[in-house]
Each structure stands twice: as C-alpha cells, then as structure tokens.
Protein backbone atom coordinates (compact mmCIF):
# COMPACT_ATOMS: atom_id res chain seq x y z
CA MET A 1 3.43 9.53 -56.22
CA LYS A 2 -0.28 9.72 -55.00
CA LYS A 3 -0.03 5.88 -54.02
CA THR A 4 3.35 6.60 -51.97
CA LYS A 5 1.41 9.42 -50.03
CA ARG A 6 -1.53 7.20 -49.33
CA TYR A 7 0.57 4.43 -47.97
CA THR A 8 2.55 6.66 -45.88
CA PHE A 9 -0.63 8.17 -44.33
CA THR A 10 -1.89 4.63 -43.99
CA PHE A 11 1.25 3.66 -42.32
CA SER A 12 1.27 6.65 -40.16
CA ILE A 13 -2.31 5.97 -39.06
CA ILE A 14 -1.41 2.25 -38.26
CA THR A 15 1.69 3.13 -36.54
CA LEU A 16 -0.28 5.73 -34.35
CA ILE A 17 -2.91 3.12 -33.33
CA LEU A 18 -0.44 0.40 -32.62
CA GLY A 19 1.49 3.01 -30.62
CA LEU A 20 -1.46 3.92 -28.70
CA ALA A 21 -2.45 0.24 -28.11
CA SER A 22 1.14 -0.48 -26.77
CA PHE A 23 0.91 2.56 -24.45
CA LEU A 24 -2.44 1.57 -23.11
CA SER A 25 -1.25 -2.03 -22.69
CA ILE A 26 1.81 -1.03 -20.82
CA SER A 27 -0.34 1.45 -18.66
CA LEU A 28 -2.60 -1.23 -17.80
CA ILE A 29 -0.06 -3.80 -16.88
CA GLY A 30 1.94 -1.26 -14.70
CA HIS A 31 -1.31 -0.17 -12.99
CA ASN A 32 -2.23 -3.83 -12.21
CA TYR A 33 1.26 -4.43 -10.89
CA LEU A 34 1.05 -1.55 -8.64
CA GLN A 35 -2.40 -2.38 -7.47
CA SER A 36 -1.47 -5.96 -6.70
CA SER A 37 1.71 -4.79 -4.85
CA LYS A 38 -0.50 -2.74 -2.70
CA ASN A 39 -2.96 -5.41 -1.89
CA SER A 40 -0.12 -7.82 -1.15
CA TYR A 41 1.48 -5.58 1.21
CA SER A 42 -1.84 -4.78 2.79
CA MET A 43 -2.37 -8.42 3.29
CA ILE A 44 1.11 -8.86 4.75
CA GLN A 45 0.53 -6.15 7.26
CA LYS A 46 -2.73 -7.78 8.49
CA ARG A 47 -0.97 -11.09 8.57
CA ASN A 48 1.83 -9.65 10.67
CA ALA A 49 -0.38 -7.76 13.11
CA GLU A 50 -2.29 -11.23 13.65
CA VAL A 51 1.03 -12.97 14.29
CA ARG A 52 2.10 -10.15 16.62
CA LYS A 53 -1.23 -10.45 18.48
CA ASN A 54 -0.89 -14.29 18.75
CA ILE A 55 2.57 -14.03 20.13
CA ILE A 56 1.90 -11.57 22.75
CA GLU A 57 -1.28 -13.58 23.88
CA THR A 58 1.02 -16.82 24.05
CA ILE A 59 3.65 -15.10 26.07
CA LYS A 60 1.04 -13.55 28.24
CA VAL A 61 -0.72 -17.05 28.99
CA SER A 62 2.80 -18.52 29.50
CA LEU A 63 3.70 -15.84 31.95
CA GLN A 64 0.31 -16.37 33.91
CA LYS A 65 0.98 -20.22 34.03
CA THR A 66 4.52 -19.48 35.26
CA SER A 67 3.27 -17.26 37.76
CA GLU A 68 0.81 -19.66 39.30
CA HIS A 69 3.31 -22.46 39.34
CA LEU A 70 5.77 -20.40 41.29
CA LYS A 71 3.07 -19.38 43.68
CA VAL A 72 2.25 -23.21 44.34
CA LEU A 73 5.91 -23.74 44.80
CA ILE A 74 6.18 -20.77 47.20
CA HIS A 75 3.09 -22.01 49.14
CA SER A 76 4.29 -25.62 49.33
CA GLN A 77 7.39 -24.77 51.01
C-alpha cells in the first residue's frame, strides 16, 4: 500500500509539472503570436501611410504639370 501511495504522489507531482510546463508553453506561444500580430499591423499601417503620401505627391505633381500644359495651350492661342 505504501508503494501505491508513493507512485500516486510521484505521478501527481509529474502531472503537475507537465501541466505547468504546458500552460507556460501555451502562454508564451499566445503572447508571441499577439506581439507579432501587433508588430505586423504597425508595419502595415506605416507602409500604408507611405503609400498614401506617395499617391498624394504623384497626383499633386501630375496636376501641376497638367496646369502648366494648359497655361501653355491657353497662351499659344
């Protein structure tokens, strides 16, 4: 009977340690996933801001050139 109690206690300790290790692993994986998602979202937002800025600048330059061409056409008539 003493061996049974000893094995039960050992099994309980091992189960507890494995459970805590599993919980820690899952927690770390979840934390890393969330952190990666936040970083990715931040990078995407920065890239989108750059793209918007480039599009606005391109449209601005294009409109300026079109305006200059129209001025030349108006003055040539």
